[in-house]
Protein backbone atom coordinates (compact mmCIF):
# COMPACT_ATOMS: atom_id res chain seq x y z
CA MET A 1 120.69 74.34 85.56
CA ASP A 2 117.45 72.66 86.40
CA ILE A 3 114.36 74.79 87.01
CA PHE A 4 113.46 72.77 90.10
CA THR A 5 116.78 73.18 91.88
CA ARG A 6 117.15 76.81 90.84
CA ASN A 7 114.20 77.89 93.00
CA ASN A 8 115.84 76.65 96.18
CA ARG A 9 118.54 79.30 95.92
CA SER A 10 118.08 82.99 96.48
CA THR A 11 120.55 85.46 95.10
CA GLN A 12 121.12 89.14 95.78
CA ASP A 13 120.70 89.91 92.07
CA ASP A 14 117.31 88.24 91.63
CA HIS A 15 115.62 91.12 89.82
CA PHE A 16 112.46 89.16 88.97
CA SER A 17 111.69 88.38 92.61
CA ASP A 18 112.39 92.00 93.57
CA LEU A 19 110.00 93.17 90.88
CA MET A 20 107.22 90.72 91.71
CA PHE A 21 107.42 90.58 95.50
CA GLY A 22 109.44 93.64 96.48
CA ARG A 23 112.58 93.70 98.53
CA LYS A 24 112.69 92.44 102.07
CA ALA A 25 112.81 95.16 104.69
CA GLU A 26 116.06 95.55 106.55
CA PRO A 27 115.57 95.13 110.31
CA GLU A 28 118.16 97.82 111.08
CA LEU A 29 116.20 100.46 109.17
CA GLN A 30 113.03 99.73 111.12
CA LYS A 31 114.83 100.29 114.40
CA GLU A 32 116.20 103.63 113.24
CA GLU A 33 112.77 104.83 112.13
CA SER A 34 111.25 104.14 115.54
CA LYS A 35 113.48 106.77 117.15
CA VAL A 36 111.25 109.86 117.23
CA ASP A 37 111.92 113.02 119.17
CA TYR A 38 108.41 113.69 120.44
CA MET A 39 109.30 117.03 122.00
CA GLN A 40 110.57 118.34 118.65
CA LEU A 41 107.46 116.93 116.97
CA MET A 42 105.18 118.76 119.41
CA VAL A 43 107.11 122.02 118.92
CA SER A 44 106.67 121.67 115.16
CA VAL A 45 102.94 120.98 115.49
CA GLU A 46 102.56 123.97 117.81
CA THR A 47 104.37 126.19 115.29
CA LEU A 48 102.14 125.00 112.46
CA MET A 49 98.98 125.60 114.49
CA GLY A 50 100.18 129.09 115.40
CA LEU A 51 100.80 129.90 111.73
CA TYR A 52 97.38 128.55 110.81
CA ASP A 53 95.69 130.70 113.47
CA GLN A 54 97.66 133.72 112.23
CA TYR A 55 96.66 133.29 108.57
CA LYS A 56 93.12 132.00 109.15
CA PRO A 57 91.44 135.43 108.65
CA THR A 58 93.30 135.94 105.37
CA ILE A 59 92.32 132.48 104.15
CA GLN A 60 88.66 133.15 105.05
CA LYS A 61 88.71 136.46 103.14
CA MET A 62 90.17 134.81 100.04
CA ASN A 63 87.86 131.77 100.14
CA PRO A 64 84.99 133.41 98.13
CA LEU A 65 87.46 134.62 95.52
CA ILE A 66 88.97 131.16 95.14
CA THR A 67 85.52 129.55 95.02
CA LYS A 68 84.43 131.99 92.31
CA PHE A 69 87.56 131.22 90.29
CA LEU A 70 87.10 127.45 90.58
CA ASN A 71 83.38 127.52 89.71
CA LYS A 72 83.87 129.67 86.63
CA ASP A 73 82.16 127.91 83.69
């Protein structure tokens, strides 16, 4: 096997190329990732914001305690 002709072929088990350059992205996977349910995403964001607003006073009360603990020398 000649080193000059070997480079013209690409095999599935070429571990060196995978290590150095990474694997090629599959086009099918990119299409599946682009399917996003925006309504479900907005519901999730709204839920997270509601929880943050609910726990915000507790977080503000604990902030000096946490700061004191972290700045302890």
